[in-house]
Amino acid sequence: MVTIGKSIDVQMELAAEELRLLQAYPDEELISIIREVGFRCDLCARCCTREFNDHVFLLEQDLKVIRETDPGVIEPAPYYELCDQHGNFYVSGYALKIQDDGSCIFLNEKRCRIYEQRPLICRLYPYMLHLEADEDGNVGWRQISGLDLHGCYHNEISDEECEAIAREVRSYEEAFLHQKLEFFKAARKYFQKHGLKHVQSVYDREMRKINKGGQAKVFVFCNGGFEERMARE
């Protein structure tokens, strides 16, 4: 669940609570949803575009593979969690860059150039398991992305495949939340060491500048520390 705009401690508490709820989520329910949806890819490549999926967040295990493939294709993930009083942003990881047409940097003629090494979130698509607010602000579990908008549905999937997908989805979502928690722990330590604090008014001001084409420093969480990058690279 996106929690930008809140203090470090509050965001940590929310991430920890979501992790606890995730771990308590019944396997049988997720398996049942996967079986009912019965998704099969039809090679339309819509899932590889910003229009459908916004961005591809990289877990640290994904980042290692991508950097070995092409270190120039990553950028700070959007939706920075924190901003200090000096206008520097902080974010919990990297994302893949996109092309000018809004498609993934690795998409070429509707095919992935790194299909065998693609990030875990791409392997799991369209399945997920995280808390998300709807248009009315009601928070609930979301398990499927882009339902009935692309791909083929209601295909028969074996029990073994459904169970394997469910395990991988849970593994990804837990790893994502663990990475976020480690980010907040590192940020809190870094802020305390350097006399920094999250200031929402500064966050809002600097984001307005970025949205108008401006620049800002972004400290990206990686391997337990922070790498300095720019918002627009």
C-alpha atoms as a PDB file:
ATOM      1  CA  MET A   1       0.000   0.000   0.000  1.00  0.00           C
ATOM      2  CA  VAL A   2       1.352   3.448  -0.944  1.00  0.00           C
ATOM      3  CA  THR A   3       2.029   5.473   2.212  1.00  0.00           C
ATOM      4  CA  ILE A   4       3.954   8.516   0.985  1.00  0.00           C
ATOM      5  CA  GLY A   5       3.432  11.665   2.995  1.00  0.00           C
ATOM      6  CA  LYS A   6       3.690  10.109   6.440  1.00  0.00           C
ATOM      7  CA  SER A   7       6.542  10.068   8.965  1.00  0.00           C
ATOM      8  CA  ILE A   8       9.163   7.312   8.957  1.00  0.00           C
ATOM      9  CA  ASP A   9       7.782   5.670  12.087  1.00  0.00           C
ATOM     10  CA  VAL A  10       4.199   5.714  10.812  1.00  0.00           C
ATOM     11  CA  GLN A  11       5.196   4.268   7.438  1.00  0.00           C
ATOM     12  CA  MET A  12       7.228   1.572   9.195  1.00  0.00           C
ATOM     13  CA  GLU A  13       4.251   0.630  11.334  1.00  0.00           C
ATOM     14  CA  LEU A  14       1.974   0.436   8.296  1.00  0.00           C
ATOM     15  CA  ALA A  15       4.433  -1.750   6.372  1.00  0.00           C
ATOM     16  CA  ALA A  16       4.912  -4.040   9.366  1.00  0.00           C
ATOM     17  CA  GLU A  17       1.152  -4.379   9.788  1.00  0.00           C
ATOM     18  CA  GLU A  18       0.662  -5.159   6.107  1.00  0.00           C
ATOM     19  CA  LEU A  19       3.371  -7.831   6.355  1.00  0.00           C
ATOM     20  CA  ARG A  20       1.620  -9.374   9.341  1.00  0.00           C
ATOM     21  CA  LEU A  21      -1.715  -9.398   7.509  1.00  0.00           C
ATOM     22  CA  LEU A  22      -0.081 -10.802   4.384  1.00  0.00           C
ATOM     23  CA  GLN A  23       1.429 -13.679   6.322  1.00  0.00           C
ATOM     24  CA  ALA A  24      -2.007 -14.432   7.788  1.00  0.00           C
ATOM     25  CA  TYR A  25      -3.758 -14.372   4.401  1.00  0.00           C
ATOM     26  CA  PRO A  26      -5.139 -17.860   3.615  1.00  0.00           C
ATOM     27  CA  ASP A  27      -3.224 -19.754   0.918  1.00  0.00           C
ATOM     28  CA  GLU A  28      -6.446 -21.450  -0.130  1.00  0.00           C
ATOM     29  CA  GLU A  29      -8.108 -18.135  -0.961  1.00  0.00           C
ATOM     30  CA  LEU A  30      -5.275 -16.965  -3.210  1.00  0.00           C
ATOM     31  CA  ILE A  31      -5.038 -20.372  -4.901  1.00  0.00           C
ATOM     32  CA  SER A  32      -8.783 -20.299  -5.546  1.00  0.00           C
ATOM     33  CA  ILE A  33      -8.561 -16.856  -7.173  1.00  0.00           C
ATOM     34  CA  ILE A  34      -5.655 -17.942  -9.379  1.00  0.00           C
ATOM     35  CA  ARG A  35      -7.591 -21.026 -10.469  1.00  0.00           C
ATOM     36  CA  GLU A  36     -10.743 -19.012 -11.193  1.00  0.00           C
ATOM     37  CA  VAL A  37      -8.933 -16.314 -13.186  1.00  0.00           C
ATOM     38  CA  GLY A  38      -7.005 -18.876 -15.245  1.00  0.00           C
ATOM     39  CA  PHE A  39      -4.837 -16.249 -16.936  1.00  0.00           C
ATOM     40  CA  ARG A  40      -2.782 -17.017 -20.025  1.00  0.00           C
ATOM     41  CA  CYS A  41      -0.626 -14.490 -21.870  1.00  0.00           C
ATOM     42  CA  ASP A  42      -1.702 -13.669 -25.437  1.00  0.00           C
ATOM     43  CA  LEU A  43       1.502 -11.736 -26.234  1.00  0.00           C
ATOM     44  CA  CYS A  44      -0.260  -8.374 -26.557  1.00  0.00           C
ATOM     45  CA  ALA A  45       2.528  -6.702 -24.484  1.00  0.00           C
ATOM     46  CA  ARG A  46       0.110  -4.291 -22.820  1.00  0.00           C
ATOM     47  CA  CYS A  47       1.367  -5.347 -19.401  1.00  0.00           C
ATOM     48  CA  CYS A  48       4.785  -3.995 -20.413  1.00  0.00           C
ATOM     49  CA  THR A  49       3.562  -0.398 -20.684  1.00  0.00           C
ATOM     50  CA  ARG A  50       3.160   2.476 -18.258  1.00  0.00           C
ATOM     51  CA  GLU A  51      -0.494   2.772 -19.270  1.00  0.00           C
ATOM     52  CA  PHE A  52      -1.274  -0.597 -17.699  1.00  0.00           C
ATOM     53  CA  ASN A  53       1.337  -1.064 -14.990  1.00  0.00           C
ATOM     54  CA  ASP A  54       2.993   2.269 -14.197  1.00  0.00           C
ATOM     55  CA  HIS A  55       6.474   0.918 -13.389  1.00  0.00           C
ATOM     56  CA  VAL A  56       8.497  -2.230 -12.701  1.00  0.00           C
ATOM     57  CA  PHE A  57       9.872  -2.114  -9.163  1.00  0.00           C
ATOM     58  CA  LEU A  58      13.089  -4.084  -8.696  1.00  0.00           C
ATOM     59  CA  LEU A  59      13.789  -6.190  -5.649  1.00  0.00           C
ATOM     60  CA  GLU A  60      17.484  -6.257  -4.796  1.00  0.00           C
ATOM     61  CA  GLN A  61      17.813  -9.753  -6.305  1.00  0.00           C
ATOM     62  CA  ASP A  62      16.336  -8.366  -9.551  1.00  0.00           C
ATOM     63  CA  LEU A  63      18.600  -5.322  -9.432  1.00  0.00           C
ATOM     64  CA  LYS A  64      21.725  -7.475  -9.362  1.00  0.00           C
ATOM     65  CA  VAL A  65      20.659  -9.320 -12.519  1.00  0.00           C
ATOM     66  CA  ILE A  66      19.599  -6.145 -14.343  1.00  0.00           C
ATOM     67  CA  ARG A  67      22.843  -4.340 -13.521  1.00  0.00           C
ATOM     68  CA  GLU A  68      24.818  -7.264 -14.902  1.00  0.00           C
ATOM     69  CA  THR A  69      22.715  -7.082 -18.075  1.00  0.00           C
ATOM     70  CA  ASP A  70      22.699  -3.295 -18.575  1.00  0.00           C
ATOM     71  CA  PRO A  71      23.344  -0.884 -15.676  1.00  0.00           C
ATOM     72  CA  GLY A  72      21.984   2.041 -17.683  1.00  0.00           C
ATOM     73  CA  VAL A  73      18.359   0.894 -17.703  1.00  0.00           C
ATOM     74  CA  ILE A  74      17.474   1.628 -14.074  1.00  0.00           C
ATOM     75  CA  GLU A  75      16.233   4.767 -12.359  1.00  0.00           C
ATOM     76  CA  PRO A  76      14.909   5.684  -8.909  1.00  0.00           C
ATOM     77  CA  ALA A  77      11.483   4.124  -8.433  1.00  0.00           C
ATOM     78  CA  PRO A  78       8.645   6.683  -8.489  1.00  0.00           C
ATOM     79  CA  TYR A  79       6.552   7.660  -5.487  1.00  0.00           C
ATOM     80  CA  TYR A  80       9.437   8.587  -3.210  1.00  0.00           C
ATOM     81  CA  GLU A  81       8.629   7.769   0.395  1.00  0.00           C
ATOM     82  CA  LEU A  82      10.513  10.614   2.091  1.00  0.00           C
ATOM     83  CA  CYS A  83      11.896  14.114   1.574  1.00  0.00           C
ATOM     84  CA  ASP A  84      14.216  15.931   3.966  1.00  0.00           C
ATOM     85  CA  GLN A  85      14.155  19.631   4.816  1.00  0.00           C
ATOM     86  CA  HIS A  86      16.760  20.321   2.100  1.00  0.00           C
ATOM     87  CA  GLY A  87      14.594  18.928  -0.695  1.00  0.00           C
ATOM     88  CA  ASN A  88      16.364  15.584  -1.098  1.00  0.00           C
ATOM     89  CA  PHE A  89      14.127  12.577  -1.748  1.00  0.00           C
ATOM     90  CA  TYR A  90      14.513   9.016  -0.469  1.00  0.00           C
ATOM     91  CA  VAL A  91      13.048   5.905  -2.099  1.00  0.00           C
ATOM     92  CA  SER A  92      13.082   2.203  -1.271  1.00  0.00           C
ATOM     93  CA  GLY A  93      14.488   0.913  -4.561  1.00  0.00           C
ATOM     94  CA  TYR A  94      15.005   1.155  -8.298  1.00  0.00           C
ATOM     95  CA  ALA A  95      12.673   0.661 -11.243  1.00  0.00           C
ATOM     96  CA  LEU A  96      13.218  -0.057 -14.924  1.00  0.00           C
ATOM     97  CA  LYS A  97      13.305   2.927 -17.239  1.00  0.00           C
ATOM     98  CA  ILE A  98      10.627   3.301 -19.885  1.00  0.00           C
ATOM     99  CA  GLN A  99      10.893   4.297 -23.529  1.00  0.00           C
ATOM    100  CA  ASP A 100       9.441   7.487 -25.000  1.00  0.00           C
ATOM    101  CA  ASP A 101       6.276   5.642 -26.040  1.00  0.00           C
ATOM    102  CA  GLY A 102       5.666   4.503 -22.457  1.00  0.00           C
ATOM    103  CA  SER A 103       6.783   0.915 -22.968  1.00  0.00           C
ATOM    104  CA  CYS A 104       9.384  -0.942 -20.907  1.00  0.00           C
ATOM    105  CA  ILE A 105      13.004  -0.283 -21.834  1.00  0.00           C
ATOM    106  CA  PHE A 106      13.380  -3.988 -22.656  1.00  0.00           C
ATOM    107  CA  LEU A 107      10.309  -4.271 -24.898  1.00  0.00           C
ATOM    108  CA  ASN A 108      11.025  -4.666 -28.613  1.00  0.00           C
ATOM    109  CA  GLU A 109       8.290  -5.485 -31.129  1.00  0.00           C
ATOM    110  CA  LYS A 110       6.049  -6.827 -28.346  1.00  0.00           C
ATOM    111  CA  ARG A 111       8.743  -9.142 -27.039  1.00  0.00           C
ATOM    112  CA  CYS A 112      10.935  -8.910 -23.932  1.00  0.00           C
ATOM    113  CA  ARG A 113      14.655  -8.759 -24.705  1.00  0.00           C
ATOM    114  CA  ILE A 114      15.531 -10.282 -21.322  1.00  0.00           C
ATOM    115  CA  TYR A 115      12.637 -12.706 -20.976  1.00  0.00           C
ATOM    116  CA  GLU A 116      14.679 -15.422 -19.253  1.00  0.00           C
ATOM    117  CA  GLN A 117      16.126 -12.853 -16.804  1.00  0.00           C
ATOM    118  CA  ARG A 118      13.020 -10.705 -16.378  1.00  0.00           C
ATOM    119  CA  PRO A 119      12.233  -9.368 -12.867  1.00  0.00           C
ATOM    120  CA  LEU A 120      10.158 -11.461 -10.501  1.00  0.00           C
ATOM    121  CA  ILE A 121       7.169  -9.119 -10.616  1.00  0.00           C
ATOM    122  CA  CYS A 122       7.016  -9.645 -14.402  1.00  0.00           C
ATOM    123  CA  ARG A 123       7.104 -13.418 -13.978  1.00  0.00           C
ATOM    124  CA  LEU A 124       4.134 -13.314 -11.605  1.00  0.00           C
ATOM    125  CA  TYR A 125       1.929 -10.981 -13.617  1.00  0.00           C
ATOM    126  CA  PRO A 126      -1.036 -10.486 -13.386  1.00  0.00           C
ATOM    127  CA  TYR A 127      -1.114 -11.972  -9.890  1.00  0.00           C
ATOM    128  CA  MET A 128      -0.333  -9.978  -6.752  1.00  0.00           C
ATOM    129  CA  LEU A 129      -1.339  -9.800  -3.108  1.00  0.00           C
ATOM    130  CA  HIS A 130      -1.190  -6.395  -1.480  1.00  0.00           C
ATOM    131  CA  LEU A 131      -3.424  -3.872   0.232  1.00  0.00           C
ATOM    132  CA  GLU A 132      -4.713  -1.088  -1.974  1.00  0.00           C
ATOM    133  CA  ALA A 133      -7.253   1.703  -1.607  1.00  0.00           C
ATOM    134  CA  ASP A 134     -10.113   1.887  -4.088  1.00  0.00           C
ATOM    135  CA  GLU A 135     -11.581   5.071  -5.579  1.00  0.00           C
ATOM    136  CA  ASP A 136     -13.570   5.658  -2.395  1.00  0.00           C
ATOM    137  CA  GLY A 137     -10.562   5.223  -0.130  1.00  0.00           C
ATOM    138  CA  ASN A 138     -11.576   1.785   1.125  1.00  0.00           C
ATOM    139  CA  VAL A 139      -8.517  -0.410   1.679  1.00  0.00           C
ATOM    140  CA  GLY A 140      -8.659  -4.080   0.735  1.00  0.00           C
ATOM    141  CA  TRP A 141      -6.663  -6.897  -0.826  1.00  0.00           C
ATOM    142  CA  ARG A 142      -5.890  -6.792  -4.525  1.00  0.00           C
ATOM    143  CA  GLN A 143      -4.911 -10.066  -6.185  1.00  0.00           C
ATOM    144  CA  ILE A 144      -5.185  -9.366  -9.929  1.00  0.00           C
ATOM    145  CA  SER A 145      -4.018  -6.557 -12.211  1.00  0.00           C
ATOM    146  CA  GLY A 146      -5.782  -5.558 -15.415  1.00  0.00           C
ATOM    147  CA  LEU A 147      -8.595  -8.084 -15.100  1.00  0.00           C
ATOM    148  CA  ASP A 148     -10.378  -8.589 -18.457  1.00  0.00           C
ATOM    149  CA  LEU A 149      -8.331  -5.818 -20.066  1.00  0.00           C
ATOM    150  CA  HIS A 150      -5.754  -8.049 -21.766  1.00  0.00           C
ATOM    151  CA  GLY A 151      -4.693 -11.663 -21.942  1.00  0.00           C
ATOM    152  CA  CYS A 152      -6.887 -14.775 -21.955  1.00  0.00           C
ATOM    153  CA  TYR A 153      -8.932 -15.880 -18.963  1.00  0.00           C
ATOM    154  CA  HIS A 154     -10.645 -18.957 -17.551  1.00  0.00           C
ATOM    155  CA  ASN A 155      -8.020 -21.346 -18.851  1.00  0.00           C
ATOM    156  CA  GLU A 156      -7.525 -24.561 -16.940  1.00  0.00           C
ATOM    157  CA  ILE A 157      -4.564 -24.423 -14.553  1.00  0.00           C
ATOM    158  CA  SER A 158      -3.444 -27.479 -12.620  1.00  0.00           C
ATOM    159  CA  ASP A 159      -3.553 -27.502  -8.837  1.00  0.00           C
ATOM    160  CA  GLU A 160       0.237 -27.795  -8.774  1.00  0.00           C
ATOM    161  CA  GLU A 161       0.676 -24.698 -10.954  1.00  0.00           C
ATOM    162  CA  CYS A 162      -1.850 -22.701  -8.925  1.00  0.00           C
ATOM    163  CA  GLU A 163      -0.042 -23.584  -5.712  1.00  0.00           C
ATOM    164  CA  ALA A 164       3.351 -22.722  -7.225  1.00  0.00           C
ATOM    165  CA  ILE A 165       2.093 -19.332  -8.437  1.00  0.00           C
ATOM    166  CA  ALA A 166       0.594 -18.598  -5.016  1.00  0.00           C
ATOM    167  CA  ARG A 167       3.890 -19.417  -3.289  1.00  0.00           C
ATOM    168  CA  GLU A 168       5.824 -17.140  -5.646  1.00  0.00           C
ATOM    169  CA  VAL A 169       3.326 -14.298  -5.256  1.00  0.00           C
ATOM    170  CA  ARG A 170       3.532 -14.497  -1.482  1.00  0.00           C
ATOM    171  CA  SER A 171       7.336 -14.704  -1.645  1.00  0.00           C
ATOM    172  CA  TYR A 172       7.532 -11.576  -3.805  1.00  0.00           C
ATOM    173  CA  GLU A 173       5.123  -9.547  -1.686  1.00  0.00           C
ATOM    174  CA  GLU A 174       6.919 -10.510   1.530  1.00  0.00           C
ATOM    175  CA  ALA A 175      10.296  -9.634  -0.007  1.00  0.00           C
ATOM    176  CA  PHE A 176       8.900  -6.283  -1.169  1.00  0.00           C
ATOM    177  CA  LEU A 177       7.663  -5.409   2.329  1.00  0.00           C
ATOM    178  CA  HIS A 178      10.883  -6.598   3.954  1.00  0.00           C
ATOM    179  CA  GLN A 179      12.856  -4.356   1.582  1.00  0.00           C
ATOM    180  CA  LYS A 180      10.585  -1.438   2.435  1.00  0.00           C
ATOM    181  CA  LEU A 181      11.020  -2.052   6.172  1.00  0.00           C
ATOM    182  CA  GLU A 182      14.802  -2.210   5.801  1.00  0.00           C
ATOM    183  CA  PHE A 183      14.642   1.043   3.838  1.00  0.00           C
ATOM    184  CA  PHE A 184      12.774   2.813   6.632  1.00  0.00           C
ATOM    185  CA  LYS A 185      15.197   1.481   9.250  1.00  0.00           C
ATOM    186  CA  ALA A 186      18.157   2.726   7.216  1.00  0.00           C
ATOM    187  CA  ALA A 187      16.459   6.075   6.551  1.00  0.00           C
ATOM    188  CA  ARG A 188      15.697   6.615  10.225  1.00  0.00           C
ATOM    189  CA  LYS A 189      19.328   5.921  11.127  1.00  0.00           C
ATOM    190  CA  TYR A 190      20.582   8.179   8.320  1.00  0.00           C
ATOM    191  CA  PHE A 191      18.221  11.000   9.282  1.00  0.00           C
ATOM    192  CA  GLN A 192      19.238  10.806  12.935  1.00  0.00           C
ATOM    193  CA  LYS A 193      22.936  10.821  12.050  1.00  0.00           C
ATOM    194  CA  HIS A 194      22.674  13.862   9.763  1.00  0.00           C
ATOM    195  CA  GLY A 195      20.041  15.877  11.623  1.00  0.00           C
ATOM    196  CA  LEU A 196      17.395  15.399   8.951  1.00  0.00           C
ATOM    197  CA  LYS A 197      13.630  15.170   9.107  1.00  0.00           C
ATOM    198  CA  HIS A 198      10.813  14.414   6.693  1.00  0.00           C
ATOM    199  CA  VAL A 199       8.944  17.616   5.772  1.00  0.00           C
ATOM    200  CA  GLN A 200       5.755  17.154   3.796  1.00  0.00           C
ATOM    201  CA  SER A 201       5.542  20.758   2.615  1.00  0.00           C
ATOM    202  CA  VAL A 202       9.045  20.478   1.138  1.00  0.00           C
ATOM    203  CA  TYR A 203       8.088  17.142  -0.448  1.00  0.00           C
ATOM    204  CA  ASP A 204       5.075  18.733  -2.128  1.00  0.00           C
ATOM    205  CA  ARG A 205       7.039  21.782  -3.282  1.00  0.00           C
ATOM    206  CA  GLU A 206       9.883  19.764  -4.791  1.00  0.00           C
ATOM    207  CA  MET A 207       7.492  17.338  -6.490  1.00  0.00           C
ATOM    208  CA  ARG A 208       5.778  20.264  -8.186  1.00  0.00           C
ATOM    209  CA  LYS A 209       9.176  21.345  -9.518  1.00  0.00           C
ATOM    210  CA  ILE A 210       9.937  17.834 -10.794  1.00  0.00           C
ATOM    211  CA  ASN A 211       6.546  17.580 -12.484  1.00  0.00           C
ATOM    212  CA  LYS A 212       7.348  20.803 -14.331  1.00  0.00           C
ATOM    213  CA  GLY A 213      10.648  19.359 -15.582  1.00  0.00           C
ATOM    214  CA  GLY A 214      12.915  20.316 -12.693  1.00  0.00           C
ATOM    215  CA  GLN A 215      15.587  18.224 -11.003  1.00  0.00           C
ATOM    216  CA  ALA A 216      16.158  16.913  -7.496  1.00  0.00           C
ATOM    217  CA  LYS A 217      18.496  14.532  -5.719  1.00  0.00           C
ATOM    218  CA  VAL A 218      17.100  11.105  -4.905  1.00  0.00           C
ATOM    219  CA  PHE A 219      18.786   8.758  -2.458  1.00  0.00           C
ATOM    220  CA  VAL A 220      17.940   5.206  -3.501  1.00  0.00           C
ATOM    221  CA  PHE A 221      18.061   2.372  -0.974  1.00  0.00           C
ATOM    222  CA  CYS A 222      20.425  -0.367  -2.127  1.00  0.00           C
ATOM    223  CA  ASN A 223      22.377  -3.063  -0.265  1.00  0.00           C
ATOM    224  CA  GLY A 224      21.617  -1.533   3.120  1.00  0.00           C
ATOM    225  CA  GLY A 225      22.713   1.992   2.172  1.00  0.00           C
ATOM    226  CA  PHE A 226      21.828   4.842  -0.172  1.00  0.00           C
ATOM    227  CA  GLU A 227      23.001   5.666  -3.688  1.00  0.00           C
ATOM    228  CA  GLU A 228      22.700   9.265  -4.834  1.00  0.00           C
ATOM    229  CA  ARG A 229      20.878   9.711  -8.131  1.00  0.00           C
ATOM    230  CA  MET A 230      18.785  12.367  -9.845  1.00  0.00           C
ATOM    231  CA  ALA A 231      15.019  12.395 -10.240  1.00  0.00           C
ATOM    232  CA  ARG A 232      15.265  12.728 -14.016  1.00  0.00           C
ATOM    233  CA  GLU A 233      18.112  10.794 -15.574  1.00  0.00           C
END
